[in-house]
Amino acid sequence: MMNLLVRFLVNAAAIWVATRLVPGIEAGGIGSVLAIAVVFGVLNALIKPFLKLVSCPVILLTLGLFTLVVNAVMLMLTAWFGAKLGIEFRVDGFVAAFLGALLVSIVSTVLSWLLPDGK
């Protein structure tokens, strides 16, 4: 349970950093960031494995670089679902989504290294 909470907070922090540094990604406030982190986590758990399976040949062909495109699509999908749920979170276009997903991946990886994993 503690591991899940730490992962949620790491995702929320990474999304917050993306809203601060990437033009075209905006959130209404800390409440919106926390809510969108929940949506992001659920979509990553449910939809991302399917997207990676479907795009597996392209991921292999590009030596894994296409995973960055999958991550950008996941961020755009998160923004779309967030809008449907009334969460103030916006991603303006694929370039913003790509840069945001890259930044979210980097920040969440670094924070995961720094924080205890609950074991």
PDB file of N, CA and C in Angstrom:
ATOM      1  N   MET A   1       0.823  -1.198   0.000  1.00  0.00           N
ATOM      2  CA  MET A   1       0.000   0.000   0.000  1.00  0.00           C
ATOM      3  C   MET A   1       0.868   1.264   0.000  1.00  0.00           C
ATOM      4  N   MET A   2       1.934   1.232   0.814  1.00  0.00           N
ATOM      5  CA  MET A   2       2.826   2.384   0.885  1.00  0.00           C
ATOM      6  C   MET A   2       3.540   2.602  -0.452  1.00  0.00           C
ATOM      7  N   ASN A   3       3.908   1.508  -1.121  1.00  0.00           N
ATOM      8  CA  ASN A   3       4.561   1.585  -2.417  1.00  0.00           C
ATOM      9  C   ASN A   3       3.643   2.259  -3.443  1.00  0.00           C
ATOM     10  N   LEU A   4       2.357   1.934  -3.406  1.00  0.00           N
ATOM     11  CA  LEU A   4       1.383   2.532  -4.317  1.00  0.00           C
ATOM     12  C   LEU A   4       1.262   4.033  -4.072  1.00  0.00           C
ATOM     13  N   LEU A   5       1.254   4.431  -2.802  1.00  0.00           N
ATOM     14  CA  LEU A   5       1.170   5.847  -2.460  1.00  0.00           C
ATOM     15  C   LEU A   5       2.421   6.595  -2.925  1.00  0.00           C
ATOM     16  N   VAL A   6       3.585   6.008  -2.732  1.00  0.00           N
ATOM     17  CA  VAL A   6       4.837   6.633  -3.175  1.00  0.00           C
ATOM     18  C   VAL A   6       4.840   6.786  -4.692  1.00  0.00           C
ATOM     19  N   ARG A   7       4.409   5.761  -5.410  1.00  0.00           N
ATOM     20  CA  ARG A   7       4.349   5.839  -6.879  1.00  0.00           C
ATOM     21  C   ARG A   7       3.371   6.913  -7.340  1.00  0.00           C
ATOM     22  N   PHE A   8       2.237   7.035  -6.647  1.00  0.00           N
ATOM     23  CA  PHE A   8       1.259   8.062  -6.970  1.00  0.00           C
ATOM     24  C   PHE A   8       1.864   9.455  -6.775  1.00  0.00           C
ATOM     25  N   LEU A   9       2.542   9.656  -5.653  1.00  0.00           N
ATOM     26  CA  LEU A   9       3.144  10.959  -5.374  1.00  0.00           C
ATOM     27  C   LEU A   9       4.287  11.271  -6.343  1.00  0.00           C
ATOM     28  N   VAL A  10       5.039  10.255  -6.739  1.00  0.00           N
ATOM     29  CA  VAL A  10       6.103  10.453  -7.729  1.00  0.00           C
ATOM     30  C   VAL A  10       5.495  10.875  -9.066  1.00  0.00           C
ATOM     31  N   ASN A  11       4.430  10.216  -9.493  1.00  0.00           N
ATOM     32  CA  ASN A  11       3.762  10.599 -10.742  1.00  0.00           C
ATOM     33  C   ASN A  11       3.204  12.015 -10.652  1.00  0.00           C
ATOM     34  N   ALA A  12       2.594  12.347  -9.519  1.00  0.00           N
ATOM     35  CA  ALA A  12       2.037  13.692  -9.341  1.00  0.00           C
ATOM     36  C   ALA A  12       3.146  14.739  -9.414  1.00  0.00           C
ATOM     37  N   ALA A  13       4.269  14.479  -8.764  1.00  0.00           N
ATOM     38  CA  ALA A  13       5.390  15.426  -8.806  1.00  0.00           C
ATOM     39  C   ALA A  13       5.934  15.565 -10.225  1.00  0.00           C
ATOM     40  N   ALA A  14       6.044  14.455 -10.943  1.00  0.00           N
ATOM     41  CA  ALA A  14       6.556  14.490 -12.315  1.00  0.00           C
ATOM     42  C   ALA A  14       5.609  15.261 -13.231  1.00  0.00           C
ATOM     43  N   ILE A  15       4.320  15.072 -13.054  1.00  0.00           N
ATOM     44  CA  ILE A  15       3.335  15.818 -13.864  1.00  0.00           C
ATOM     45  C   ILE A  15       3.395  17.296 -13.514  1.00  0.00           C
ATOM     46  N   TRP A  16       3.549  17.621 -12.231  1.00  0.00           N
ATOM     47  CA  TRP A  16       3.655  19.015 -11.824  1.00  0.00           C
ATOM     48  C   TRP A  16       4.872  19.677 -12.471  1.00  0.00           C
ATOM     49  N   VAL A  17       6.005  18.981 -12.490  1.00  0.00           N
ATOM     50  CA  VAL A  17       7.216  19.516 -13.125  1.00  0.00           C
ATOM     51  C   VAL A  17       6.952  19.762 -14.614  1.00  0.00           C
ATOM     52  N   ALA A  18       6.258  18.841 -15.261  1.00  0.00           N
ATOM     53  CA  ALA A  18       5.942  19.015 -16.684  1.00  0.00           C
ATOM     54  C   ALA A  18       5.059  20.242 -16.910  1.00  0.00           C
ATOM     55  N   THR A  19       4.112  20.491 -16.003  1.00  0.00           N
ATOM     56  CA  THR A  19       3.259  21.677 -16.169  1.00  0.00           C
ATOM     57  C   THR A  19       4.050  22.959 -15.992  1.00  0.00           C
ATOM     58  N   ARG A  20       5.119  22.907 -15.239  1.00  0.00           N
ATOM     59  CA  ARG A  20       5.938  24.096 -15.001  1.00  0.00           C
ATOM     60  C   ARG A  20       6.962  24.344 -16.114  1.00  0.00           C
ATOM     61  N   LEU A  21       7.463  23.286 -16.730  1.00  0.00           N
ATOM     62  CA  LEU A  21       8.575  23.443 -17.665  1.00  0.00           C
ATOM     63  C   LEU A  21       8.209  23.307 -19.145  1.00  0.00           C
ATOM     64  N   VAL A  22       7.109  22.646 -19.445  1.00  0.00           N
ATOM     65  CA  VAL A  22       6.769  22.398 -20.851  1.00  0.00           C
ATOM     66  C   VAL A  22       5.658  23.354 -21.288  1.00  0.00           C
ATOM     67  N   PRO A  23       5.953  24.226 -22.252  1.00  0.00           N
ATOM     68  CA  PRO A  23       4.886  25.074 -22.777  1.00  0.00           C
ATOM     69  C   PRO A  23       3.838  24.206 -23.476  1.00  0.00           C
ATOM     70  N   GLY A  24       2.583  24.476 -23.191  1.00  0.00           N
ATOM     71  CA  GLY A  24       1.517  23.692 -23.798  1.00  0.00           C
ATOM     72  C   GLY A  24       0.934  22.640 -22.870  1.00  0.00           C
ATOM     73  N   ILE A  25       1.495  22.488 -21.678  1.00  0.00           N
ATOM     74  CA  ILE A  25       0.913  21.600 -20.668  1.00  0.00           C
ATOM     75  C   ILE A  25       0.550  22.470 -19.469  1.00  0.00           C
ATOM     76  N   GLU A  26      -0.724  22.477 -19.135  1.00  0.00           N
ATOM     77  CA  GLU A  26      -1.206  23.325 -18.051  1.00  0.00           C
ATOM     78  C   GLU A  26      -2.161  22.553 -17.161  1.00  0.00           C
ATOM     79  N   ALA A  27      -2.106  22.889 -15.868  1.00  0.00           N
ATOM     80  CA  ALA A  27      -3.025  22.305 -14.889  1.00  0.00           C
ATOM     81  C   ALA A  27      -3.614  23.434 -14.065  1.00  0.00           C
ATOM     82  N   GLY A  28      -4.817  23.210 -13.539  1.00  0.00           N
ATOM     83  CA  GLY A  28      -5.508  24.238 -12.775  1.00  0.00           C
ATOM     84  C   GLY A  28      -4.884  24.526 -11.423  1.00  0.00           C
ATOM     85  N   GLY A  29      -4.220  23.594 -10.841  1.00  0.00           N
ATOM     86  CA  GLY A  29      -3.629  23.769  -9.519  1.00  0.00           C
ATOM     87  C   GLY A  29      -3.193  22.423  -8.978  1.00  0.00           C
ATOM     88  N   ILE A  30      -2.819  22.405  -7.712  1.00  0.00           N
ATOM     89  CA  ILE A  30      -2.325  21.162  -7.124  1.00  0.00           C
ATOM     90  C   ILE A  30      -3.416  20.093  -7.066  1.00  0.00           C
ATOM     91  N   GLY A  31      -4.648  20.495  -6.866  1.00  0.00           N
ATOM     92  CA  GLY A  31      -5.756  19.535  -6.869  1.00  0.00           C
ATOM     93  C   GLY A  31      -5.925  18.871  -8.224  1.00  0.00           C
ATOM     94  N   SER A  32      -5.786  19.674  -9.266  1.00  0.00           N
ATOM     95  CA  SER A  32      -5.870  19.126 -10.625  1.00  0.00           C
ATOM     96  C   SER A  32      -4.716  18.188 -10.910  1.00  0.00           C
ATOM     97  N   VAL A  33      -3.528  18.543 -10.424  1.00  0.00           N
ATOM     98  CA  VAL A  33      -2.353  17.684 -10.643  1.00  0.00           C
ATOM     99  C   VAL A  33      -2.544  16.348  -9.928  1.00  0.00           C
ATOM    100  N   LEU A  34      -3.043  16.387  -8.702  1.00  0.00           N
ATOM    101  CA  LEU A  34      -3.276  15.140  -7.964  1.00  0.00           C
ATOM    102  C   LEU A  34      -4.349  14.290  -8.639  1.00  0.00           C
ATOM    103  N   ALA A  35      -5.412  14.937  -9.099  1.00  0.00           N
ATOM    104  CA  ALA A  35      -6.490  14.191  -9.770  1.00  0.00           C
ATOM    105  C   ALA A  35      -5.995  13.598 -11.090  1.00  0.00           C
ATOM    106  N   ILE A  36      -5.214  14.371 -11.840  1.00  0.00           N
ATOM    107  CA  ILE A  36      -4.735  13.860 -13.127  1.00  0.00           C
ATOM    108  C   ILE A  36      -3.705  12.765 -12.912  1.00  0.00           C
ATOM    109  N   ALA A  37      -2.989  12.788 -11.797  1.00  0.00           N
ATOM    110  CA  ALA A  37      -2.047  11.709 -11.486  1.00  0.00           C
ATOM    111  C   ALA A  37      -2.787  10.395 -11.274  1.00  0.00           C
ATOM    112  N   VAL A  38      -3.978  10.462 -10.692  1.00  0.00           N
ATOM    113  CA  VAL A  38      -4.795   9.251 -10.524  1.00  0.00           C
ATOM    114  C   VAL A  38      -5.223   8.728 -11.892  1.00  0.00           C
ATOM    115  N   VAL A  39      -5.717   9.622 -12.741  1.00  0.00           N
ATOM    116  CA  VAL A  39      -6.145   9.228 -14.089  1.00  0.00           C
ATOM    117  C   VAL A  39      -4.960   8.654 -14.862  1.00  0.00           C
ATOM    118  N   PHE A  40      -3.805   9.312 -14.779  1.00  0.00           N
ATOM    119  CA  PHE A  40      -2.594   8.865 -15.458  1.00  0.00           C
ATOM    120  C   PHE A  40      -2.193   7.465 -14.996  1.00  0.00           C
ATOM    121  N   GLY A  41      -2.245   7.236 -13.704  1.00  0.00           N
ATOM    122  CA  GLY A  41      -1.894   5.923 -13.157  1.00  0.00           C
ATOM    123  C   GLY A  41      -2.836   4.827 -13.616  1.00  0.00           C
ATOM    124  N   VAL A  42      -4.130   5.121 -13.608  1.00  0.00           N
ATOM    125  CA  VAL A  42      -5.118   4.127 -14.034  1.00  0.00           C
ATOM    126  C   VAL A  42      -4.960   3.809 -15.518  1.00  0.00           C
ATOM    127  N   LEU A  43      -4.794   4.857 -16.340  1.00  0.00           N
ATOM    128  CA  LEU A  43      -4.633   4.619 -17.778  1.00  0.00           C
ATOM    129  C   LEU A  43      -3.336   3.876 -18.083  1.00  0.00           C
ATOM    130  N   ASN A  44      -2.265   4.209 -17.357  1.00  0.00           N
ATOM    131  CA  ASN A  44      -1.002   3.490 -17.566  1.00  0.00           C
ATOM    132  C   ASN A  44      -1.130   2.026 -17.180  1.00  0.00           C
ATOM    133  N   ALA A  45      -1.933   1.743 -16.177  1.00  0.00           N
ATOM    134  CA  ALA A  45      -2.110   0.353 -15.751  1.00  0.00           C
ATOM    135  C   ALA A  45      -3.016  -0.428 -16.706  1.00  0.00           C
ATOM    136  N   LEU A  46      -4.017   0.239 -17.270  1.00  0.00           N
ATOM    137  CA  LEU A  46      -5.016  -0.472 -18.082  1.00  0.00           C
ATOM    138  C   LEU A  46      -4.745  -0.433 -19.583  1.00  0.00           C
ATOM    139  N   ILE A  47      -4.337   0.703 -20.115  1.00  0.00           N
ATOM    140  CA  ILE A  47      -4.266   0.876 -21.565  1.00  0.00           C
ATOM    141  C   ILE A  47      -2.845   0.767 -22.109  1.00  0.00           C
ATOM    142  N   LYS A  48      -1.864   1.228 -21.362  1.00  0.00           N
ATOM    143  CA  LYS A  48      -0.492   1.235 -21.867  1.00  0.00           C
ATOM    144  C   LYS A  48       0.022  -0.160 -22.244  1.00  0.00           C
ATOM    145  N   PRO A  49      -0.255  -1.215 -21.458  1.00  0.00           N
ATOM    146  CA  PRO A  49       0.207  -2.541 -21.883  1.00  0.00           C
ATOM    147  C   PRO A  49      -0.349  -2.957 -23.250  1.00  0.00           C
ATOM    148  N   PHE A  50      -1.609  -2.623 -23.509  1.00  0.00           N
ATOM    149  CA  PHE A  50      -2.213  -2.938 -24.804  1.00  0.00           C
ATOM    150  C   PHE A  50      -1.530  -2.158 -25.926  1.00  0.00           C
ATOM    151  N   LEU A  51      -1.290  -0.858 -25.707  1.00  0.00           N
ATOM    152  CA  LEU A  51      -0.618  -0.054 -26.722  1.00  0.00           C
ATOM    153  C   LEU A  51       0.789  -0.566 -27.014  1.00  0.00           C
ATOM    154  N   LYS A  52       1.499  -0.979 -25.971  1.00  0.00           N
ATOM    155  CA  LYS A  52       2.849  -1.502 -26.182  1.00  0.00           C
ATOM    156  C   LYS A  52       2.816  -2.841 -26.912  1.00  0.00           C
ATOM    157  N   LEU A  53       1.813  -3.660 -26.642  1.00  0.00           N
ATOM    158  CA  LEU A  53       1.674  -4.940 -27.330  1.00  0.00           C
ATOM    159  C   LEU A  53       1.388  -4.721 -28.814  1.00  0.00           C
ATOM    160  N   VAL A  54       0.461  -3.826 -29.104  1.00  0.00           N
ATOM    161  CA  VAL A  54       0.078  -3.552 -30.492  1.00  0.00           C
ATOM    162  C   VAL A  54       1.247  -2.931 -31.258  1.00  0.00           C
ATOM    163  N   SER A  55       2.009  -2.073 -30.594  1.00  0.00           N
ATOM    164  CA  SER A  55       3.109  -1.397 -31.280  1.00  0.00           C
ATOM    165  C   SER A  55       4.455  -2.104 -31.105  1.00  0.00           C
ATOM    166  N   CYS A  56       4.440  -3.302 -30.605  1.00  0.00           N
ATOM    167  CA  CYS A  56       5.668  -4.052 -30.340  1.00  0.00           C
ATOM    168  C   CYS A  56       6.598  -4.154 -31.560  1.00  0.00           C
ATOM    169  N   PRO A  57       6.096  -4.457 -32.739  1.00  0.00           N
ATOM    170  CA  PRO A  57       7.009  -4.528 -33.891  1.00  0.00           C
ATOM    171  C   PRO A  57       7.716  -3.193 -34.166  1.00  0.00           C
ATOM    172  N   VAL A  58       6.982  -2.087 -34.035  1.00  0.00           N
ATOM    173  CA  VAL A  58       7.583  -0.778 -34.272  1.00  0.00           C
ATOM    174  C   VAL A  58       8.578  -0.441 -33.163  1.00  0.00           C
ATOM    175  N   ILE A  59       8.243  -0.805 -31.930  1.00  0.00           N
ATOM    176  CA  ILE A  59       9.163  -0.577 -30.807  1.00  0.00           C
ATOM    177  C   ILE A  59      10.461  -1.349 -31.037  1.00  0.00           C
ATOM    178  N   LEU A  60      10.340  -2.589 -31.483  1.00  0.00           N
ATOM    179  CA  LEU A  60      11.551  -3.376 -31.760  1.00  0.00           C
ATOM    180  C   LEU A  60      12.339  -2.801 -32.931  1.00  0.00           C
ATOM    181  N   LEU A  61      11.643  -2.382 -33.965  1.00  0.00           N
ATOM    182  CA  LEU A  61      12.297  -1.828 -35.148  1.00  0.00           C
ATOM    183  C   LEU A  61      13.062  -0.540 -34.824  1.00  0.00           C
ATOM    184  N   THR A  62      12.520   0.266 -33.898  1.00  0.00           N
ATOM    185  CA  THR A  62      13.168   1.536 -33.538  1.00  0.00           C
ATOM    186  C   THR A  62      14.043   1.403 -32.288  1.00  0.00           C
ATOM    187  N   LEU A  63      14.303   0.160 -31.884  1.00  0.00           N
ATOM    188  CA  LEU A  63      15.147  -0.118 -30.719  1.00  0.00           C
ATOM    189  C   LEU A  63      14.611   0.552 -29.451  1.00  0.00           C
ATOM    190  N   GLY A  64      13.304   0.589 -29.336  1.00  0.00           N
ATOM    191  CA  GLY A  64      12.666   1.098 -28.124  1.00  0.00           C
ATOM    192  C   GLY A  64      12.295   2.563 -28.152  1.00  0.00           C
ATOM    193  N   LEU A  65      12.751   3.299 -29.157  1.00  0.00           N
ATOM    194  CA  LEU A  65      12.465   4.736 -29.190  1.00  0.00           C
ATOM    195  C   LEU A  65      10.990   5.051 -29.400  1.00  0.00           C
ATOM    196  N   PHE A  66      10.258   4.140 -30.030  1.00  0.00           N
ATOM    197  CA  PHE A  66       8.832   4.375 -30.245  1.00  0.00           C
ATOM    198  C   PHE A  66       8.069   4.387 -28.929  1.00  0.00           C
ATOM    199  N   THR A  67       8.662   3.870 -27.869  1.00  0.00           N
ATOM    200  CA  THR A  67       8.038   3.919 -26.548  1.00  0.00           C
ATOM    201  C   THR A  67       7.796   5.367 -26.134  1.00  0.00           C
ATOM    202  N   LEU A  68       8.649   6.277 -26.562  1.00  0.00           N
ATOM    203  CA  LEU A  68       8.440   7.694 -26.275  1.00  0.00           C
ATOM    204  C   LEU A  68       7.161   8.211 -26.922  1.00  0.00           C
ATOM    205  N   VAL A  69       6.857   7.725 -28.106  1.00  0.00           N
ATOM    206  CA  VAL A  69       5.615   8.101 -28.783  1.00  0.00           C
ATOM    207  C   VAL A  69       4.417   7.523 -28.027  1.00  0.00           C
ATOM    208  N   VAL A  70       4.534   6.278 -27.575  1.00  0.00           N
ATOM    209  CA  VAL A  70       3.460   5.653 -26.786  1.00  0.00           C
ATOM    210  C   VAL A  70       3.220   6.465 -25.511  1.00  0.00           C
ATOM    211  N   ASN A  71       4.300   6.910 -24.857  1.00  0.00           N
ATOM    212  CA  ASN A  71       4.155   7.721 -23.646  1.00  0.00           C
ATOM    213  C   ASN A  71       3.468   9.050 -23.941  1.00  0.00           C
ATOM    214  N   ALA A  72       3.790   9.656 -25.082  1.00  0.00           N
ATOM    215  CA  ALA A  72       3.137  10.909 -25.463  1.00  0.00           C
ATOM    216  C   ALA A  72       1.652  10.694 -25.703  1.00  0.00           C
ATOM    217  N   VAL A  73       1.309   9.603 -26.370  1.00  0.00           N
ATOM    218  CA  VAL A  73      -0.102   9.271 -26.599  1.00  0.00           C
ATOM    219  C   VAL A  73      -0.819   9.059 -25.264  1.00  0.00           C
ATOM    220  N   MET A  74      -0.147   8.425 -24.318  1.00  0.00           N
ATOM    221  CA  MET A  74      -0.746   8.208 -22.999  1.00  0.00           C
ATOM    222  C   MET A  74      -1.004   9.536 -22.290  1.00  0.00           C
ATOM    223  N   LEU A  75      -0.102  10.494 -22.422  1.00  0.00           N
ATOM    224  CA  LEU A  75      -0.299  11.798 -21.797  1.00  0.00           C
ATOM    225  C   LEU A  75      -1.450  12.552 -22.454  1.00  0.00           C
ATOM    226  N   MET A  76      -1.550  12.454 -23.770  1.00  0.00           N
ATOM    227  CA  MET A  76      -2.673  13.091 -24.470  1.00  0.00           C
ATOM    228  C   MET A  76      -3.994  12.434 -24.081  1.00  0.00           C
ATOM    229  N   LEU A  77      -3.985  11.108 -23.968  1.00  0.00           N
ATOM    230  CA  LEU A  77      -5.178  10.379 -23.552  1.00  0.00           C
ATOM    231  C   LEU A  77      -5.571  10.750 -22.124  1.00  0.00           C
ATOM    232  N   THR A  78      -4.580  10.942 -21.266  1.00  0.00           N
ATOM    233  CA  THR A  78      -4.846  11.367 -19.895  1.00  0.00           C
ATOM    234  C   THR A  78      -5.506  12.735 -19.878  1.00  0.00           C
ATOM    235  N   ALA A  79      -5.018  13.652 -20.695  1.00  0.00           N
ATOM    236  CA  ALA A  79      -5.622  14.987 -20.773  1.00  0.00           C
ATOM    237  C   ALA A  79      -7.061  14.901 -21.279  1.00  0.00           C
ATOM    238  N   TRP A  80      -7.293  14.037 -22.247  1.00  0.00           N
ATOM    239  CA  TRP A  80      -8.640  13.887 -22.796  1.00  0.00           C
ATOM    240  C   TRP A  80      -9.604  13.332 -21.737  1.00  0.00           C
ATOM    241  N   PHE A  81      -9.177  12.261 -21.050  1.00  0.00           N
ATOM    242  CA  PHE A  81     -10.018  11.700 -19.998  1.00  0.00           C
ATOM    243  C   PHE A  81     -10.210  12.698 -18.862  1.00  0.00           C
ATOM    244  N   GLY A  82      -9.158  13.422 -18.532  1.00  0.00           N
ATOM    245  CA  GLY A  82      -9.258  14.428 -17.474  1.00  0.00           C
ATOM    246  C   GLY A  82     -10.288  15.492 -17.815  1.00  0.00           C
ATOM    247  N   ALA A  83     -10.312  15.928 -19.068  1.00  0.00           N
ATOM    248  CA  ALA A  83     -11.307  16.915 -19.493  1.00  0.00           C
ATOM    249  C   ALA A  83     -12.714  16.359 -19.377  1.00  0.00           C
ATOM    250  N   LYS A  84     -12.886  15.089 -19.722  1.00  0.00           N
ATOM    251  CA  LYS A  84     -14.209  14.456 -19.596  1.00  0.00           C
ATOM    252  C   LYS A  84     -14.650  14.366 -18.142  1.00  0.00           C
ATOM    253  N   LEU A  85     -13.681  14.266 -17.225  1.00  0.00           N
ATOM    254  CA  LEU A  85     -13.987  14.179 -15.795  1.00  0.00           C
ATOM    255  C   LEU A  85     -14.032  15.555 -15.120  1.00  0.00           C
ATOM    256  N   GLY A  86     -13.796  16.616 -15.892  1.00  0.00           N
ATOM    257  CA  GLY A  86     -13.843  17.969 -15.350  1.00  0.00           C
ATOM    258  C   GLY A  86     -12.574  18.397 -14.633  1.00  0.00           C
ATOM    259  N   ILE A  87     -11.470  17.740 -14.921  1.00  0.00           N
ATOM    260  CA  ILE A  87     -10.192  18.090 -14.297  1.00  0.00           C
ATOM    261  C   ILE A  87      -9.498  19.126 -15.177  1.00  0.00           C
ATOM    262  N   GLU A  88      -9.009  20.192 -14.569  1.00  0.00           N
ATOM    263  CA  GLU A  88      -8.325  21.247 -15.311  1.00  0.00           C
ATOM    264  C   GLU A  88      -6.900  20.808 -15.649  1.00  0.00           C
ATOM    265  N   PHE A  89      -6.754  20.185 -16.793  1.00  0.00           N
ATOM    266  CA  PHE A  89      -5.448  19.741 -17.276  1.00  0.00           C
ATOM    267  C   PHE A  89      -5.507  19.738 -18.792  1.00  0.00           C
ATOM    268  N   ARG A  90      -4.527  20.385 -19.421  1.00  0.00           N
ATOM    269  CA  ARG A  90      -4.554  20.523 -20.866  1.00  0.00           C
ATOM    270  C   ARG A  90      -3.184  20.235 -21.456  1.00  0.00           C
ATOM    271  N   VAL A  91      -3.177  19.516 -22.564  1.00  0.00           N
ATOM    272  CA  VAL A  91      -1.966  19.268 -23.342  1.00  0.00           C
ATOM    273  C   VAL A  91      -2.251  19.739 -24.762  1.00  0.00           C
ATOM    274  N   ASP A  92      -1.484  20.733 -25.203  1.00  0.00           N
ATOM    275  CA  ASP A  92      -1.704  21.339 -26.518  1.00  0.00           C
ATOM    276  C   ASP A  92      -0.824  20.697 -27.579  1.00  0.00           C
ATOM    277  N   GLY A  93      -1.306  19.622 -28.182  1.00  0.00           N
ATOM    278  CA  GLY A  93      -0.616  19.036 -29.314  1.00  0.00           C
ATOM    279  C   GLY A  93       0.398  17.967 -28.972  1.00  0.00           C
ATOM    280  N   PHE A  94       0.868  17.326 -30.039  1.00  0.00           N
ATOM    281  CA  PHE A  94       1.759  16.181 -29.877  1.00  0.00           C
ATOM    282  C   PHE A  94       3.149  16.582 -29.381  1.00  0.00           C
ATOM    283  N   VAL A  95       3.661  17.715 -29.830  1.00  0.00           N
ATOM    284  CA  VAL A  95       5.010  18.126 -29.411  1.00  0.00           C
ATOM    285  C   VAL A  95       5.034  18.366 -27.904  1.00  0.00           C
ATOM    286  N   ALA A  96       4.031  19.069 -27.392  1.00  0.00           N
ATOM    287  CA  ALA A  96       3.947  19.289 -25.945  1.00  0.00           C
ATOM    288  C   ALA A  96       3.796  17.957 -25.208  1.00  0.00           C
ATOM    289  N   ALA A  97       2.985  17.054 -25.760  1.00  0.00           N
ATOM    290  CA  ALA A  97       2.803  15.746 -25.135  1.00  0.00           C
ATOM    291  C   ALA A  97       4.099  14.946 -25.145  1.00  0.00           C
ATOM    292  N   PHE A  98       4.821  15.006 -26.246  1.00  0.00           N
ATOM    293  CA  PHE A  98       6.087  14.273 -26.356  1.00  0.00           C
ATOM    294  C   PHE A  98       7.106  14.801 -25.347  1.00  0.00           C
ATOM    295  N   LEU A  99       7.279  16.125 -25.306  1.00  0.00           N
ATOM    296  CA  LEU A  99       8.228  16.715 -24.362  1.00  0.00           C
ATOM    297  C   LEU A  99       7.789  16.475 -22.917  1.00  0.00           C
ATOM    298  N   GLY A 100       6.482  16.584 -22.680  1.00  0.00           N
ATOM    299  CA  GLY A 100       5.959  16.339 -21.336  1.00  0.00           C
ATOM    300  C   GLY A 100       6.146  14.902 -20.901  1.00  0.00           C
ATOM    301  N   ALA A 101       5.877  13.968 -21.804  1.00  0.00           N
ATOM    302  CA  ALA A 101       6.055  12.549 -21.469  1.00  0.00           C
ATOM    303  C   ALA A 101       7.515  12.226 -21.220  1.00  0.00           C
ATOM    304  N   LEU A 102       8.400  12.828 -22.002  1.00  0.00           N
ATOM    305  CA  LEU A 102       9.831  12.632 -21.794  1.00  0.00           C
ATOM    306  C   LEU A 102      10.256  13.160 -20.421  1.00  0.00           C
ATOM    307  N   LEU A 103       9.769  14.341 -20.073  1.00  0.00           N
ATOM    308  CA  LEU A 103      10.096  14.938 -18.781  1.00  0.00           C
ATOM    309  C   LEU A 103       9.485  14.148 -17.623  1.00  0.00           C
ATOM    310  N   VAL A 104       8.240  13.709 -17.784  1.00  0.00           N
ATOM    311  CA  VAL A 104       7.592  12.900 -16.746  1.00  0.00           C
ATOM    312  C   VAL A 104       8.378  11.611 -16.534  1.00  0.00           C
ATOM    313  N   SER A 105       8.829  10.992 -17.603  1.00  0.00           N
ATOM    314  CA  SER A 105       9.615   9.756 -17.482  1.00  0.00           C
ATOM    315  C   SER A 105      10.926   9.997 -16.746  1.00  0.00           C
ATOM    316  N   ILE A 106      11.608  11.067 -17.096  1.00  0.00           N
ATOM    317  CA  ILE A 106      12.894  11.369 -16.463  1.00  0.00           C
ATOM    318  C   ILE A 106      12.707  11.689 -14.982  1.00  0.00           C
ATOM    319  N   VAL A 107      11.765  12.575 -14.677  1.00  0.00           N
ATOM    320  CA  VAL A 107      11.550  12.980 -13.283  1.00  0.00           C
ATOM    321  C   VAL A 107      11.083  11.801 -12.434  1.00  0.00           C
ATOM    322  N   SER A 108      10.165  11.004 -12.950  1.00  0.00           N
ATOM    323  CA  SER A 108       9.681   9.868 -12.159  1.00  0.00           C
ATOM    324  C   SER A 108      10.780   8.831 -11.950  1.00  0.00           C
ATOM    325  N   THR A 109      11.651   8.646 -12.935  1.00  0.00           N
ATOM    326  CA  THR A 109      12.772   7.713 -12.766  1.00  0.00           C
ATOM    327  C   THR A 109      13.739   8.208 -11.704  1.00  0.00           C
ATOM    328  N   VAL A 110      14.100   9.482 -11.775  1.00  0.00           N
ATOM    329  CA  VAL A 110      15.032  10.044 -10.795  1.00  0.00           C
ATOM    330  C   VAL A 110      14.426   9.990  -9.388  1.00  0.00           C
ATOM    331  N   LEU A 111      13.162  10.371  -9.258  1.00  0.00           N
ATOM    332  CA  LEU A 111      12.517  10.327  -7.938  1.00  0.00           C
ATOM    333  C   LEU A 111      12.395   8.900  -7.422  1.00  0.00           C
ATOM    334  N   SER A 112      12.153   7.955  -8.305  1.00  0.00           N
ATOM    335  CA  SER A 112      12.068   6.552  -7.886  1.00  0.00           C
ATOM    336  C   SER A 112      13.410   6.049  -7.370  1.00  0.00           C
ATOM    337  N   TRP A 113      14.495   6.527  -7.955  1.00  0.00           N
ATOM    338  CA  TRP A 113      15.833   6.157  -7.470  1.00  0.00           C
ATOM    339  C   TRP A 113      16.074   6.729  -6.076  1.00  0.00           C
ATOM    340  N   LEU A 114      15.596   7.949  -5.854  1.00  0.00           N
ATOM    341  CA  LEU A 114      15.886   8.661  -4.609  1.00  0.00           C
ATOM    342  C   LEU A 114      15.009   8.217  -3.435  1.00  0.00           C
ATOM    343  N   LEU A 115      13.793   7.788  -3.742  1.00  0.00           N
ATOM    344  CA  LEU A 115      12.845   7.432  -2.681  1.00  0.00           C
ATOM    345  C   LEU A 115      12.894   5.943  -2.382  1.00  0.00           C
ATOM    346  N   PRO A 116      12.570   5.571  -1.155  1.00  0.00           N
ATOM    347  CA  PRO A 116      12.542   4.141  -0.817  1.00  0.00           C
ATOM    348  C   PRO A 116      11.434   3.440  -1.576  1.00  0.00           C
ATOM    349  N   ASP A 117      11.644   2.173  -1.878  1.00  0.00           N
ATOM    350  CA  ASP A 117      10.652   1.421  -2.640  1.00  0.00           C
ATOM    351  C   ASP A 117       9.680   0.648  -1.759  1.00  0.00           C
ATOM    352  N   GLY A 118       9.779   0.762  -0.461  1.00  0.00           N
ATOM    353  CA  GLY A 118       8.818   0.136   0.445  1.00  0.00           C
ATOM    354  C   GLY A 118       9.123  -1.313   0.774  1.00  0.00           C
ATOM    355  N   LYS A 119      10.275  -1.834   0.363  1.00  0.00           N
ATOM    356  CA  LYS A 119      10.612  -3.228   0.651  1.00  0.00           C
ATOM    357  C   LYS A 119      11.364  -3.338   1.953  1.00  0.00           C
TER     358      LYS A 119
END
